[in-house]
Amino acid sequence: MDKPLIVVGTGLLAEQVQYYLGTLQGRAVDAFILDAEYIREPSFLQRPVLDFVEARRRFPAASHDAFVAIGHTAVGARKRWFLAARAAGYTMARYVHPSACVAANVTVGENTLIQELAMVSPFVKLGENLMLCPQVGINHHTRVGSHCFFAPSAVVSGDADIGEACFIGAHATIRDRIRLGEGCIIGAGAIVMTDCAPGGVYRPQRTERSRETED
């Protein structure tokens, strides 16, 4: 039987995790966790909001698993919390939506959330602490580093290398055999046809307003 959970974060992603792992998977979520200086309210979704010291005292790793639900705007914090929770002995939960298609020879790492209609093809190698939003496609023999975030409908073609802590925006397309360095940010709608250096920000030209609407 799965252990109850503590969830790091009190934002929109934490609410989604409560829905997926709580409502759909049937796991109890007993508390939400923040750094002490960020706690503004005593509760979230009718559960207590605690700092990590108090959470470990009340809900230790012997009785609870954990999930880090921090979104794409704080990749560094997601990585820090994931490593801290695991170092404290917590098993990090994972969730794959029933409508997602993940090949049988693909291992889903700890603290990974794979949402509706996402597709992970055979021979893909996934790291840990990943977010695959709805309709993400990761094609054959691609290697994905840990702590990455894929926004809705992002597509990675075959035999690509995605470095750690990358963000791939909504509807972005990564060509086959492309290499993204660690910490890359690929903007929404971008089409990446060449390798990307670590830490780079890559975005397409934005659509500009062309005229006033007609009455």
N, C-alpha and C. Protein backbone atom coordinates (compact mmCIF):
# COMPACT_ATOMS: atom_id res chain seq x y z
N MET A 1 0.84 -1.20 0.00
CA MET A 1 0.00 0.00 0.00
C MET A 1 0.87 1.25 0.00
N ASP A 2 0.52 2.24 -0.85
CA ASP A 2 1.30 3.47 -0.92
C ASP A 2 1.20 4.27 0.37
N LYS A 3 2.31 4.87 0.76
CA LYS A 3 2.32 5.73 1.93
C LYS A 3 1.59 7.04 1.62
N PRO A 4 1.09 7.73 2.65
CA PRO A 4 0.60 9.10 2.44
C PRO A 4 1.76 10.01 2.05
N LEU A 5 1.41 11.23 1.60
CA LEU A 5 2.40 12.14 1.02
C LEU A 5 2.51 13.44 1.80
N ILE A 6 3.71 14.03 1.72
CA ILE A 6 3.88 15.46 1.93
C ILE A 6 4.29 16.05 0.58
N VAL A 7 3.79 17.24 0.28
CA VAL A 7 4.01 17.87 -1.02
C VAL A 7 4.69 19.21 -0.82
N VAL A 8 5.80 19.42 -1.51
CA VAL A 8 6.52 20.69 -1.44
C VAL A 8 5.89 21.65 -2.44
N GLY A 9 5.47 22.82 -1.95
CA GLY A 9 4.86 23.83 -2.80
C GLY A 9 3.42 24.09 -2.43
N THR A 10 2.95 25.30 -2.75
CA THR A 10 1.54 25.66 -2.51
C THR A 10 0.98 26.44 -3.70
N GLY A 11 1.52 26.19 -4.88
CA GLY A 11 1.06 26.88 -6.06
C GLY A 11 0.13 26.04 -6.91
N LEU A 12 -0.03 26.44 -8.17
CA LEU A 12 -0.93 25.74 -9.07
C LEU A 12 -0.50 24.31 -9.32
N LEU A 13 0.82 24.07 -9.39
CA LEU A 13 1.29 22.71 -9.61
C LEU A 13 0.99 21.84 -8.40
N ALA A 14 1.14 22.38 -7.20
CA ALA A 14 0.81 21.61 -6.00
C ALA A 14 -0.67 21.22 -5.99
N GLU A 15 -1.53 22.11 -6.46
CA GLU A 15 -2.95 21.78 -6.53
C GLU A 15 -3.19 20.65 -7.54
N GLN A 16 -2.45 20.67 -8.66
CA GLN A 16 -2.57 19.59 -9.62
C GLN A 16 -2.09 18.27 -9.03
N VAL A 17 -0.98 18.30 -8.30
CA VAL A 17 -0.46 17.08 -7.68
C VAL A 17 -1.48 16.51 -6.69
N GLN A 18 -2.13 17.40 -5.93
CA GLN A 18 -3.19 16.93 -5.04
C GLN A 18 -4.29 16.22 -5.82
N TYR A 19 -4.61 16.72 -7.01
CA TYR A 19 -5.64 16.10 -7.84
C TYR A 19 -5.17 14.75 -8.37
N TYR A 20 -3.97 14.72 -8.97
CA TYR A 20 -3.50 13.49 -9.61
C TYR A 20 -3.20 12.39 -8.58
N LEU A 21 -2.35 12.71 -7.60
CA LEU A 21 -1.94 11.69 -6.65
C LEU A 21 -2.95 11.48 -5.53
N GLY A 22 -3.69 12.54 -5.20
CA GLY A 22 -4.69 12.41 -4.16
C GLY A 22 -6.02 11.90 -4.69
N THR A 23 -6.68 12.74 -5.50
CA THR A 23 -8.01 12.38 -5.98
C THR A 23 -7.99 11.16 -6.89
N LEU A 24 -7.09 11.14 -7.90
CA LEU A 24 -7.09 10.05 -8.87
C LEU A 24 -6.40 8.79 -8.35
N GLN A 25 -5.26 8.95 -7.72
CA GLN A 25 -4.51 7.77 -7.26
C GLN A 25 -4.94 7.32 -5.88
N GLY A 26 -5.63 8.16 -5.16
CA GLY A 26 -6.16 7.78 -3.85
C GLY A 26 -5.17 7.84 -2.71
N ARG A 27 -4.09 8.61 -2.87
CA ARG A 27 -3.11 8.74 -1.80
C ARG A 27 -3.48 9.93 -0.91
N ALA A 28 -3.32 9.76 0.38
CA ALA A 28 -3.57 10.86 1.30
C ALA A 28 -2.44 11.88 1.20
N VAL A 29 -2.79 13.15 1.11
CA VAL A 29 -1.82 14.24 1.18
C VAL A 29 -2.00 14.91 2.53
N ASP A 30 -1.00 14.78 3.40
CA ASP A 30 -1.16 15.21 4.79
C ASP A 30 -0.65 16.61 5.08
N ALA A 31 0.24 17.15 4.22
CA ALA A 31 0.77 18.49 4.48
C ALA A 31 1.44 19.03 3.22
N PHE A 32 1.53 20.36 3.17
CA PHE A 32 2.29 21.05 2.14
C PHE A 32 3.48 21.75 2.79
N ILE A 33 4.58 21.82 2.07
CA ILE A 33 5.84 22.26 2.66
C ILE A 33 6.37 23.48 1.91
N LEU A 34 6.89 24.45 2.65
CA LEU A 34 7.58 25.62 2.09
C LEU A 34 8.77 25.96 2.96
N ASP A 35 9.73 26.71 2.40
CA ASP A 35 10.74 27.34 3.24
C ASP A 35 10.02 28.26 4.21
N ALA A 36 10.52 28.33 5.44
CA ALA A 36 9.81 29.05 6.50
C ALA A 36 9.51 30.50 6.12
N GLU A 37 10.44 31.15 5.43
CA GLU A 37 10.26 32.58 5.11
C GLU A 37 9.16 32.83 4.08
N TYR A 38 8.70 31.76 3.40
CA TYR A 38 7.65 31.92 2.39
C TYR A 38 6.27 31.51 2.88
N ILE A 39 6.16 31.06 4.11
CA ILE A 39 4.86 30.66 4.63
C ILE A 39 4.05 31.90 4.99
N ARG A 40 2.93 32.09 4.30
CA ARG A 40 2.06 33.23 4.54
C ARG A 40 0.73 32.83 5.18
N GLU A 41 0.29 31.62 4.91
CA GLU A 41 -0.97 31.11 5.44
C GLU A 41 -0.72 29.78 6.14
N PRO A 42 -1.50 29.46 7.17
CA PRO A 42 -1.27 28.22 7.92
C PRO A 42 -1.74 26.97 7.21
N SER A 43 -2.57 27.13 6.15
CA SER A 43 -3.09 25.95 5.48
C SER A 43 -3.23 26.20 3.98
N PHE A 44 -3.30 25.10 3.24
CA PHE A 44 -3.50 25.12 1.79
C PHE A 44 -4.31 23.87 1.44
N LEU A 45 -5.39 24.06 0.72
CA LEU A 45 -6.29 22.94 0.39
C LEU A 45 -6.68 22.15 1.63
N GLN A 46 -6.88 22.88 2.71
CA GLN A 46 -7.33 22.33 3.99
C GLN A 46 -6.31 21.39 4.63
N ARG A 47 -5.05 21.54 4.24
CA ARG A 47 -3.96 20.81 4.90
C ARG A 47 -2.99 21.83 5.48
N PRO A 48 -2.24 21.45 6.53
CA PRO A 48 -1.30 22.40 7.12
C PRO A 48 -0.14 22.72 6.18
N VAL A 49 0.37 23.94 6.26
CA VAL A 49 1.57 24.35 5.55
C VAL A 49 2.69 24.45 6.59
N LEU A 50 3.76 23.68 6.38
CA LEU A 50 4.82 23.54 7.37
C LEU A 50 6.18 23.82 6.75
N ASP A 51 7.15 24.20 7.59
CA ASP A 51 8.52 24.19 7.10
C ASP A 51 9.06 22.76 7.16
N PHE A 52 10.23 22.54 6.57
CA PHE A 52 10.71 21.17 6.42
C PHE A 52 11.07 20.54 7.76
N VAL A 53 11.56 21.34 8.70
CA VAL A 53 11.91 20.80 10.02
C VAL A 53 10.67 20.23 10.70
N GLU A 54 9.59 21.02 10.70
CA GLU A 54 8.36 20.56 11.34
C GLU A 54 7.73 19.40 10.57
N ALA A 55 7.82 19.45 9.24
CA ALA A 55 7.27 18.35 8.44
C ALA A 55 7.97 17.03 8.74
N ARG A 56 9.28 17.08 8.87
CA ARG A 56 10.03 15.85 9.16
C ARG A 56 9.69 15.33 10.55
N ARG A 57 9.41 16.22 11.48
CA ARG A 57 9.05 15.78 12.83
C ARG A 57 7.68 15.12 12.84
N ARG A 58 6.71 15.74 12.16
CA ARG A 58 5.33 15.24 12.21
C ARG A 58 5.06 14.12 11.19
N PHE A 59 5.73 14.18 10.05
CA PHE A 59 5.48 13.22 8.97
C PHE A 59 6.81 12.68 8.44
N PRO A 60 7.49 11.84 9.20
CA PRO A 60 8.83 11.39 8.84
C PRO A 60 8.83 10.44 7.65
N ALA A 61 10.02 10.21 7.12
CA ALA A 61 10.18 9.36 5.94
C ALA A 61 9.76 7.92 6.21
N ALA A 62 9.78 7.51 7.45
CA ALA A 62 9.36 6.14 7.76
C ALA A 62 7.88 5.91 7.48
N SER A 63 7.09 6.99 7.55
CA SER A 63 5.64 6.84 7.37
C SER A 63 5.09 7.54 6.14
N HIS A 64 5.90 8.41 5.49
CA HIS A 64 5.41 9.22 4.39
C HIS A 64 6.39 9.25 3.22
N ASP A 65 5.84 9.38 2.02
CA ASP A 65 6.61 9.71 0.83
C ASP A 65 6.49 11.21 0.58
N ALA A 66 7.22 11.70 -0.41
CA ALA A 66 7.21 13.14 -0.71
C ALA A 66 7.09 13.36 -2.20
N PHE A 67 6.63 14.56 -2.56
CA PHE A 67 6.63 14.99 -3.96
C PHE A 67 6.92 16.48 -3.99
N VAL A 68 7.85 16.88 -4.86
CA VAL A 68 8.19 18.29 -5.02
C VAL A 68 7.37 18.85 -6.17
N ALA A 69 6.46 19.77 -5.84
CA ALA A 69 5.54 20.35 -6.83
C ALA A 69 5.87 21.83 -7.00
N ILE A 70 7.04 22.10 -7.55
CA ILE A 70 7.47 23.46 -7.84
C ILE A 70 7.60 23.58 -9.35
N GLY A 71 7.04 24.64 -9.92
CA GLY A 71 6.90 24.74 -11.36
C GLY A 71 8.13 25.20 -12.11
N HIS A 72 7.92 25.54 -13.38
CA HIS A 72 9.02 25.81 -14.30
C HIS A 72 9.76 27.11 -14.01
N THR A 73 9.15 28.02 -13.24
CA THR A 73 9.82 29.30 -12.98
C THR A 73 10.90 29.19 -11.90
N ALA A 74 11.03 28.06 -11.25
CA ALA A 74 12.00 27.89 -10.17
C ALA A 74 12.66 26.52 -10.27
N VAL A 75 13.31 26.27 -11.41
CA VAL A 75 13.94 24.97 -11.63
C VAL A 75 15.00 24.68 -10.57
N GLY A 76 15.77 25.72 -10.19
CA GLY A 76 16.79 25.52 -9.16
C GLY A 76 16.19 25.09 -7.84
N ALA A 77 15.07 25.68 -7.47
CA ALA A 77 14.40 25.30 -6.21
C ALA A 77 13.85 23.89 -6.30
N ARG A 78 13.31 23.50 -7.46
CA ARG A 78 12.81 22.14 -7.63
C ARG A 78 13.95 21.14 -7.40
N LYS A 79 15.10 21.42 -7.98
CA LYS A 79 16.25 20.51 -7.82
C LYS A 79 16.70 20.47 -6.36
N ARG A 80 16.79 21.64 -5.73
CA ARG A 80 17.25 21.70 -4.34
C ARG A 80 16.33 20.92 -3.42
N TRP A 81 15.03 21.11 -3.56
CA TRP A 81 14.08 20.41 -2.70
C TRP A 81 14.07 18.91 -2.97
N PHE A 82 14.17 18.53 -4.23
CA PHE A 82 14.21 17.10 -4.56
C PHE A 82 15.40 16.43 -3.88
N LEU A 83 16.57 17.03 -3.98
CA LEU A 83 17.77 16.44 -3.37
C LEU A 83 17.68 16.44 -1.85
N ALA A 84 17.10 17.52 -1.28
CA ALA A 84 16.99 17.59 0.18
C ALA A 84 16.02 16.55 0.72
N ALA A 85 14.89 16.39 0.06
CA ALA A 85 13.90 15.42 0.53
C ALA A 85 14.43 14.00 0.42
N ARG A 86 15.10 13.71 -0.67
CA ARG A 86 15.64 12.36 -0.81
C ARG A 86 16.77 12.11 0.18
N ALA A 87 17.60 13.13 0.42
CA ALA A 87 18.67 12.98 1.41
C ALA A 87 18.10 12.75 2.81
N ALA A 88 16.90 13.28 3.06
CA ALA A 88 16.26 13.08 4.36
C ALA A 88 15.59 11.71 4.47
N GLY A 89 15.69 10.91 3.43
CA GLY A 89 15.18 9.55 3.48
C GLY A 89 13.84 9.31 2.84
N TYR A 90 13.23 10.36 2.29
CA TYR A 90 11.91 10.20 1.68
C TYR A 90 12.02 9.50 0.32
N THR A 91 11.11 8.58 0.08
CA THR A 91 10.89 8.06 -1.27
C THR A 91 10.06 9.09 -2.01
N MET A 92 10.51 9.45 -3.21
CA MET A 92 9.82 10.46 -3.99
C MET A 92 8.79 9.78 -4.89
N ALA A 93 7.56 10.23 -4.78
CA ALA A 93 6.47 9.63 -5.55
C ALA A 93 6.61 9.95 -7.03
N ARG A 94 5.87 9.22 -7.85
CA ARG A 94 5.80 9.48 -9.29
C ARG A 94 4.39 9.18 -9.75
N TYR A 95 4.00 9.77 -10.88
CA TYR A 95 2.64 9.55 -11.37
C TYR A 95 2.62 9.63 -12.89
N VAL A 96 1.97 8.63 -13.51
CA VAL A 96 1.76 8.60 -14.96
C VAL A 96 0.25 8.52 -15.19
N HIS A 97 -0.30 9.50 -15.88
CA HIS A 97 -1.73 9.51 -16.12
C HIS A 97 -2.13 8.31 -16.99
N PRO A 98 -3.28 7.69 -16.74
CA PRO A 98 -3.68 6.51 -17.51
C PRO A 98 -3.76 6.74 -19.02
N SER A 99 -3.99 7.97 -19.44
CA SER A 99 -4.07 8.25 -20.88
C SER A 99 -2.71 8.46 -21.53
N ALA A 100 -1.66 8.60 -20.74
CA ALA A 100 -0.31 8.75 -21.30
C ALA A 100 0.17 7.41 -21.86
N CYS A 101 1.05 7.48 -22.83
CA CYS A 101 1.61 6.27 -23.45
C CYS A 101 3.11 6.26 -23.23
N VAL A 102 3.55 5.44 -22.31
CA VAL A 102 4.98 5.33 -21.98
C VAL A 102 5.42 3.92 -22.32
N ALA A 103 6.42 3.80 -23.18
CA ALA A 103 6.87 2.49 -23.64
C ALA A 103 7.31 1.62 -22.46
N ALA A 104 7.12 0.32 -22.63
CA ALA A 104 7.40 -0.62 -21.54
C ALA A 104 8.86 -0.64 -21.14
N ASN A 105 9.76 -0.29 -22.05
CA ASN A 105 11.18 -0.32 -21.70
C ASN A 105 11.71 1.04 -21.26
N VAL A 106 10.82 1.95 -20.88
CA VAL A 106 11.21 3.26 -20.35
C VAL A 106 10.95 3.28 -18.85
N THR A 107 11.95 3.67 -18.09
CA THR A 107 11.83 3.78 -16.63
C THR A 107 11.45 5.20 -16.26
N VAL A 108 10.40 5.35 -15.47
CA VAL A 108 9.96 6.66 -14.99
C VAL A 108 10.62 6.91 -13.65
N GLY A 109 11.42 7.95 -13.57
CA GLY A 109 12.20 8.24 -12.37
C GLY A 109 11.37 8.84 -11.25
N GLU A 110 11.98 8.96 -10.09
CA GLU A 110 11.32 9.54 -8.92
C GLU A 110 10.93 10.99 -9.17
N ASN A 111 9.86 11.40 -8.51
CA ASN A 111 9.35 12.77 -8.57
C ASN A 111 9.06 13.23 -10.00
N THR A 112 8.56 12.31 -10.81
CA THR A 112 8.18 12.61 -12.19
C THR A 112 6.66 12.57 -12.31
N LEU A 113 6.12 13.58 -12.99
CA LEU A 113 4.69 13.66 -13.26
C LEU A 113 4.49 13.69 -14.77
N ILE A 114 3.77 12.70 -15.28
CA ILE A 114 3.49 12.60 -16.72
C ILE A 114 1.99 12.73 -16.89
N GLN A 115 1.57 13.80 -17.55
CA GLN A 115 0.16 14.15 -17.60
C GLN A 115 -0.55 13.59 -18.83
N GLU A 116 -1.77 14.03 -19.03
CA GLU A 116 -2.67 13.45 -20.03
C GLU A 116 -2.08 13.45 -21.44
N LEU A 117 -2.20 12.29 -22.09
CA LEU A 117 -1.87 12.10 -23.51
C LEU A 117 -0.41 12.37 -23.85
N ALA A 118 0.45 12.42 -22.85
CA ALA A 118 1.88 12.49 -23.15
C ALA A 118 2.33 11.17 -23.76
N MET A 119 3.40 11.22 -24.57
CA MET A 119 3.90 10.03 -25.25
C MET A 119 5.42 9.95 -25.08
N VAL A 120 5.89 8.81 -24.58
CA VAL A 120 7.32 8.55 -24.44
C VAL A 120 7.61 7.25 -25.18
N SER A 121 8.40 7.35 -26.25
CA SER A 121 8.61 6.22 -27.16
C SER A 121 9.65 5.23 -26.60
N PRO A 122 9.75 4.06 -27.23
CA PRO A 122 10.74 3.07 -26.80
C PRO A 122 12.17 3.62 -26.85
N PHE A 123 12.97 3.11 -25.92
CA PHE A 123 14.40 3.38 -25.84
C PHE A 123 14.73 4.81 -25.38
N VAL A 124 13.73 5.54 -24.92
CA VAL A 124 14.00 6.83 -24.28
C VAL A 124 14.55 6.60 -22.89
N LYS A 125 15.49 7.43 -22.47
CA LYS A 125 16.05 7.36 -21.12
C LYS A 125 15.68 8.65 -20.40
N LEU A 126 14.87 8.50 -19.36
CA LEU A 126 14.39 9.64 -18.58
C LEU A 126 15.19 9.77 -17.29
N GLY A 127 15.53 11.02 -16.94
CA GLY A 127 16.12 11.29 -15.64
C GLY A 127 15.05 11.33 -14.56
N GLU A 128 15.35 12.01 -13.48
CA GLU A 128 14.43 12.12 -12.35
C GLU A 128 13.92 13.56 -12.23
N ASN A 129 12.83 13.69 -11.46
CA ASN A 129 12.30 15.01 -11.15
C ASN A 129 11.88 15.75 -12.43
N LEU A 130 11.08 15.07 -13.25
CA LEU A 130 10.66 15.62 -14.54
C LEU A 130 9.18 15.98 -14.51
N MET A 131 8.82 16.98 -15.31
CA MET A 131 7.43 17.33 -15.53
C MET A 131 7.14 17.24 -17.03
N LEU A 132 6.22 16.34 -17.41
CA LEU A 132 5.76 16.22 -18.79
C LEU A 132 4.29 16.60 -18.80
N CYS A 133 4.00 17.79 -19.31
CA CYS A 133 2.63 18.30 -19.35
C CYS A 133 1.82 17.59 -20.44
N PRO A 134 0.53 17.89 -20.54
CA PRO A 134 -0.30 17.18 -21.52
C PRO A 134 0.22 17.28 -22.95
N GLN A 135 0.15 16.16 -23.65
CA GLN A 135 0.46 16.01 -25.08
C GLN A 135 1.94 16.26 -25.41
N VAL A 136 2.80 16.16 -24.43
CA VAL A 136 4.24 16.18 -24.72
C VAL A 136 4.61 14.91 -25.47
N GLY A 137 5.51 15.03 -26.43
CA GLY A 137 6.01 13.86 -27.15
C GLY A 137 7.53 13.78 -27.09
N ILE A 138 8.04 12.67 -26.56
CA ILE A 138 9.49 12.45 -26.51
C ILE A 138 9.77 11.17 -27.29
N ASN A 139 10.47 11.32 -28.40
CA ASN A 139 10.60 10.22 -29.34
C ASN A 139 11.85 9.37 -29.11
N HIS A 140 11.92 8.27 -29.79
CA HIS A 140 12.83 7.15 -29.58
C HIS A 140 14.29 7.56 -29.35
N HIS A 141 14.93 6.86 -28.44
CA HIS A 141 16.36 6.96 -28.15
C HIS A 141 16.80 8.34 -27.66
N THR A 142 15.86 9.16 -27.26
CA THR A 142 16.20 10.46 -26.67
C THR A 142 16.62 10.26 -25.22
N ARG A 143 17.56 11.08 -24.78
CA ARG A 143 18.04 11.05 -23.40
C ARG A 143 17.68 12.38 -22.74
N VAL A 144 16.97 12.30 -21.63
CA VAL A 144 16.49 13.49 -20.93
C VAL A 144 17.14 13.55 -19.55
N GLY A 145 17.86 14.63 -19.27
CA GLY A 145 18.47 14.81 -17.96
C GLY A 145 17.45 15.10 -16.89
N SER A 146 17.86 15.00 -15.66
CA SER A 146 16.97 15.24 -14.52
C SER A 146 16.57 16.72 -14.41
N HIS A 147 15.47 16.97 -13.71
CA HIS A 147 14.99 18.30 -13.33
C HIS A 147 14.49 19.13 -14.51
N CYS A 148 14.07 18.49 -15.60
CA CYS A 148 13.57 19.22 -16.76
C CYS A 148 12.05 19.40 -16.67
N PHE A 149 11.57 20.41 -17.40
CA PHE A 149 10.14 20.73 -17.44
C PHE A 149 9.74 20.87 -18.90
N PHE A 150 8.74 20.07 -19.33
CA PHE A 150 8.22 20.13 -20.69
C PHE A 150 6.80 20.67 -20.65
N ALA A 151 6.58 21.83 -21.22
CA ALA A 151 5.26 22.45 -21.24
C ALA A 151 4.35 21.75 -22.25
N PRO A 152 3.04 22.04 -22.23
CA PRO A 152 2.11 21.30 -23.08
C PRO A 152 2.49 21.30 -24.56
N SER A 153 2.40 20.10 -25.16
CA SER A 153 2.59 19.87 -26.59
C SER A 153 4.02 20.11 -27.08
N ALA A 154 4.97 20.20 -26.17
CA ALA A 154 6.38 20.22 -26.60
C ALA A 154 6.73 18.87 -27.23
N VAL A 155 7.56 18.90 -28.28
CA VAL A 155 7.92 17.68 -29.00
C VAL A 155 9.43 17.60 -29.14
N VAL A 156 9.98 16.45 -28.79
CA VAL A 156 11.40 16.17 -28.98
C VAL A 156 11.52 14.99 -29.93
N SER A 157 12.20 15.20 -31.06
CA SER A 157 12.35 14.13 -32.04
C SER A 157 13.41 13.14 -31.59
N GLY A 158 13.62 12.09 -32.37
CA GLY A 158 14.43 10.97 -31.93
C GLY A 158 15.91 11.27 -31.75
N ASP A 159 16.52 10.49 -30.84
CA ASP A 159 17.96 10.49 -30.63
C ASP A 159 18.49 11.87 -30.26
N ALA A 160 17.72 12.61 -29.46
CA ALA A 160 18.16 13.91 -28.97
C ALA A 160 18.74 13.78 -27.56
N ASP A 161 19.51 14.76 -27.16
CA ASP A 161 20.06 14.84 -25.80
C ASP A 161 19.56 16.11 -25.15
N ILE A 162 18.82 15.99 -24.07
CA ILE A 162 18.30 17.14 -23.33
C ILE A 162 19.05 17.20 -22.01
N GLY A 163 19.83 18.26 -21.80
CA GLY A 163 20.62 18.37 -20.58
C GLY A 163 19.77 18.61 -19.35
N GLU A 164 20.39 18.52 -18.20
CA GLU A 164 19.68 18.71 -16.94
C GLU A 164 19.08 20.12 -16.85
N ALA A 165 17.94 20.20 -16.13
CA ALA A 165 17.32 21.47 -15.74
C ALA A 165 16.97 22.36 -16.93
N CYS A 166 16.55 21.74 -18.03
CA CYS A 166 16.09 22.51 -19.19
C CYS A 166 14.58 22.75 -19.09
N PHE A 167 14.15 23.85 -19.70
CA PHE A 167 12.73 24.14 -19.84
C PHE A 167 12.39 24.18 -21.33
N ILE A 168 11.40 23.38 -21.74
CA ILE A 168 10.97 23.32 -23.13
C ILE A 168 9.54 23.86 -23.17
N GLY A 169 9.34 25.00 -23.84
CA GLY A 169 8.06 25.69 -23.81
C GLY A 169 6.97 25.01 -24.61
N ALA A 170 5.75 25.52 -24.44
CA ALA A 170 4.59 24.95 -25.10
C ALA A 170 4.74 24.99 -26.62
N HIS A 171 4.46 23.85 -27.26
CA HIS A 171 4.51 23.70 -28.72
C HIS A 171 5.91 23.91 -29.30
N ALA A 172 6.92 23.89 -28.49
CA ALA A 172 8.29 23.93 -29.03
C ALA A 172 8.62 22.59 -29.66
N THR A 173 9.48 22.62 -30.69
CA THR A 173 9.89 21.41 -31.40
C THR A 173 11.41 21.32 -31.42
N ILE A 174 11.93 20.20 -30.96
CA ILE A 174 13.37 19.93 -30.96
C ILE A 174 13.63 18.89 -32.04
N ARG A 175 14.45 19.23 -33.03
CA ARG A 175 14.73 18.31 -34.12
C ARG A 175 15.50 17.08 -33.64
N ASP A 176 15.50 16.03 -34.45
CA ASP A 176 16.23 14.82 -34.08
C ASP A 176 17.73 15.09 -34.00
N ARG A 177 18.38 14.38 -33.07
CA ARG A 177 19.83 14.41 -32.86
C ARG A 177 20.36 15.77 -32.41
N ILE A 178 19.50 16.58 -31.87
CA ILE A 178 19.91 17.87 -31.31
C ILE A 178 20.41 17.67 -29.89
N ARG A 179 21.37 18.50 -29.48
CA ARG A 179 21.91 18.47 -28.13
C ARG A 179 21.60 19.79 -27.45
N LEU A 180 20.84 19.73 -26.34
CA LEU A 180 20.59 20.91 -25.53
C LEU A 180 21.49 20.87 -24.31
N GLY A 181 22.27 21.93 -24.09
CA GLY A 181 23.11 21.98 -22.91
C GLY A 181 22.30 22.18 -21.64
N GLU A 182 22.93 21.95 -20.52
CA GLU A 182 22.27 22.08 -19.22
C GLU A 182 21.69 23.48 -19.04
N GLY A 183 20.48 23.53 -18.52
CA GLY A 183 19.87 24.81 -18.15
C GLY A 183 19.35 25.63 -19.31
N CYS A 184 19.14 25.04 -20.47
CA CYS A 184 18.59 25.79 -21.60
C CYS A 184 17.11 26.11 -21.38
N ILE A 185 16.70 27.26 -21.90
CA ILE A 185 15.29 27.64 -21.92
C ILE A 185 14.87 27.78 -23.38
N ILE A 186 13.92 26.96 -23.79
CA ILE A 186 13.41 26.98 -25.16
C ILE A 186 12.00 27.57 -25.11
N GLY A 187 11.81 28.71 -25.75
CA GLY A 187 10.56 29.42 -25.65
C GLY A 187 9.40 28.72 -26.35
N ALA A 188 8.19 29.15 -26.01
CA ALA A 188 6.99 28.58 -26.61
C ALA A 188 7.01 28.76 -28.12
N GLY A 189 6.73 27.68 -28.83
CA GLY A 189 6.65 27.73 -30.28
C GLY A 189 7.98 27.72 -31.00
N ALA A 190 9.09 27.63 -30.28
CA ALA A 190 10.40 27.63 -30.93
C ALA A 190 10.61 26.34 -31.72
N ILE A 191 11.37 26.44 -32.81
CA ILE A 191 11.77 25.27 -33.59
C ILE A 191 13.29 25.23 -33.55
N VAL A 192 13.83 24.23 -32.87
CA VAL A 192 15.28 24.14 -32.63
C VAL A 192 15.88 23.17 -33.64
N MET A 193 16.75 23.69 -34.49
CA MET A 193 17.34 22.90 -35.57
C MET A 193 18.83 22.67 -35.40
N THR A 194 19.45 23.33 -34.41
CA THR A 194 20.88 23.17 -34.17
C THR A 194 21.11 23.00 -32.67
N ASP A 195 22.28 22.49 -32.30
CA ASP A 195 22.62 22.31 -30.89
C ASP A 195 22.56 23.64 -30.14
N CYS A 196 22.26 23.57 -28.84
CA CYS A 196 22.12 24.76 -28.01
C CYS A 196 23.12 24.72 -26.86
N ALA A 197 23.82 25.83 -26.67
CA ALA A 197 24.84 25.90 -25.62
C ALA A 197 24.19 25.93 -24.25
N PRO A 198 24.89 25.45 -23.22
CA PRO A 198 24.32 25.45 -21.87
C PRO A 198 23.92 26.86 -21.43
N GLY A 199 22.79 26.92 -20.73
CA GLY A 199 22.35 28.18 -20.16
C GLY A 199 21.75 29.16 -21.14
N GLY A 200 21.54 28.77 -22.38
CA GLY A 200 21.02 29.69 -23.38
C GLY A 200 19.52 29.82 -23.33
N VAL A 201 19.04 30.98 -23.80
CA VAL A 201 17.61 31.23 -23.93
C VAL A 201 17.31 31.36 -25.41
N TYR A 202 16.38 30.53 -25.89
CA TYR A 202 16.09 30.47 -27.32
C TYR A 202 14.58 30.67 -27.50
N ARG A 203 14.22 31.70 -28.25
CA ARG A 203 12.80 31.97 -28.42
C ARG A 203 12.53 32.48 -29.83
N PRO A 204 11.35 32.17 -30.36
CA PRO A 204 10.99 32.64 -31.69
C PRO A 204 10.54 34.10 -31.65
N GLN A 205 10.43 34.70 -32.81
CA GLN A 205 9.90 36.05 -32.87
C GLN A 205 8.42 36.02 -32.49
N ARG A 206 8.03 36.96 -31.66
CA ARG A 206 6.65 37.00 -31.20
C ARG A 206 5.73 37.55 -32.29
N THR A 207 4.51 37.07 -32.30
CA THR A 207 3.51 37.59 -33.21
C THR A 207 3.07 38.97 -32.74
N GLU A 208 3.14 39.96 -33.65
CA GLU A 208 2.76 41.32 -33.31
C GLU A 208 1.34 41.61 -33.77
N ARG A 209 0.72 42.53 -33.07
CA ARG A 209 -0.61 42.98 -33.49
C ARG A 209 -0.50 43.70 -34.83
N SER A 210 -1.30 43.30 -35.80
CA SER A 210 -1.18 43.86 -37.14
C SER A 210 -2.12 45.02 -37.40
N ARG A 211 -3.29 45.04 -36.78
CA ARG A 211 -4.24 46.13 -37.03
C ARG A 211 -5.33 46.07 -35.98
N GLU A 212 -6.16 47.11 -35.97
CA GLU A 212 -7.32 47.13 -35.11
C GLU A 212 -8.39 46.18 -35.65
N THR A 213 -9.21 45.63 -34.75
CA THR A 213 -10.32 44.82 -35.22
C THR A 213 -11.39 45.71 -35.85
N GLU A 214 -12.11 45.12 -36.78
CA GLU A 214 -13.17 45.88 -37.44
C GLU A 214 -14.45 45.82 -36.62
N ASP A 215 -15.21 46.90 -36.65
CA ASP A 215 -16.50 46.92 -35.96
C ASP A 215 -17.51 46.04 -36.66
